[in-house]
C-alpha cells in the first residue's frame, strides 16, 4: 500500500481482528498459559475457513 494510506488495508485488518477475537474466545474459558496463543490463532483461522466453505455448500 501507499505510505500513510492504511485505509487500503481495511479488509485485511478486519480479518486479522476477527481471527484474533475468535482465538480469544477459544482461550477465555480455559486457564491455559499464553504460550498456547499461536495454536488458538491457527485453530480460529481454520475454523473460519471451514465454516465459510460449509456455508457455501448449503
Protein backbone atom coordinates (compact mmCIF):
# COMPACT_ATOMS: atom_id res chain seq x y z
CA UNK A 1 0.00 0.00 0.00
CA UNK A 2 0.94 3.61 -0.34
CA UNK A 3 2.57 5.27 2.68
CA UNK A 4 0.08 6.84 5.10
CA UNK A 5 -2.84 5.07 3.42
CA UNK A 6 -3.74 2.43 5.97
CA UNK A 7 -7.39 2.63 4.92
CA UNK A 8 -6.38 0.48 1.94
CA UNK A 9 -5.74 -2.39 4.35
CA UNK A 10 -9.27 -2.33 5.73
CA UNK A 11 -10.31 -5.85 4.73
CA UNK A 12 -7.04 -7.44 5.85
CA UNK A 13 -7.15 -5.62 9.19
CA UNK A 14 -10.77 -6.65 9.69
CA UNK A 15 -9.96 -10.32 9.02
CA UNK A 16 -6.93 -10.17 11.31
CA UNK A 17 -9.02 -8.66 14.12
CA UNK A 18 -11.79 -11.23 13.59
CA UNK A 19 -9.36 -14.15 13.85
CA UNK A 20 -7.81 -12.63 16.99
CA UNK A 21 -11.25 -12.25 18.58
CA UNK A 22 -12.12 -15.87 17.80
CA UNK A 23 -8.81 -17.03 19.27
CA UNK A 24 -9.52 -15.02 22.41
CA UNK A 25 -12.94 -16.68 22.70
CA UNK A 26 -11.30 -20.10 22.39
CA UNK A 27 -8.84 -19.34 25.19
CA UNK A 28 -11.14 -17.42 27.56
CA UNK A 29 -12.86 -20.36 29.29
CA UNK A 30 -9.55 -22.17 29.73
CA UNK A 31 -6.72 -21.46 32.08
CA UNK A 32 -4.06 -22.25 29.50
CA UNK A 33 -0.88 -20.16 29.54
CA UNK A 34 -0.20 -17.55 26.88
CA UNK A 35 2.15 -19.94 25.08
CA UNK A 36 -0.97 -21.52 23.53
CA UNK A 37 -2.00 -18.25 21.85
CA UNK A 38 -0.42 -19.19 18.45
CA UNK A 39 -2.27 -22.51 18.42
CA UNK A 40 -5.54 -20.76 19.24
CA UNK A 41 -4.99 -18.31 16.36
CA UNK A 42 -4.29 -21.13 13.89
CA UNK A 43 -7.35 -23.04 15.11
CA UNK A 44 -9.57 -19.95 14.89
CA UNK A 45 -8.36 -19.29 11.35
CA UNK A 46 -9.01 -22.88 10.26
CA UNK A 47 -12.47 -22.80 11.83
CA UNK A 48 -13.26 -19.60 9.94
CA UNK A 49 -12.19 -21.16 6.65
CA UNK A 50 -14.09 -24.42 7.22
CA UNK A 51 -17.26 -22.67 8.36
CA UNK A 52 -17.13 -20.31 5.38
CA UNK A 53 -16.82 -23.19 2.92
CA UNK A 54 -19.58 -25.14 4.66
CA UNK A 55 -21.87 -22.14 4.28
CA UNK A 56 -21.28 -22.20 0.52
CA UNK A 57 -22.41 -25.81 0.14
CA UNK A 58 -25.91 -25.33 1.57
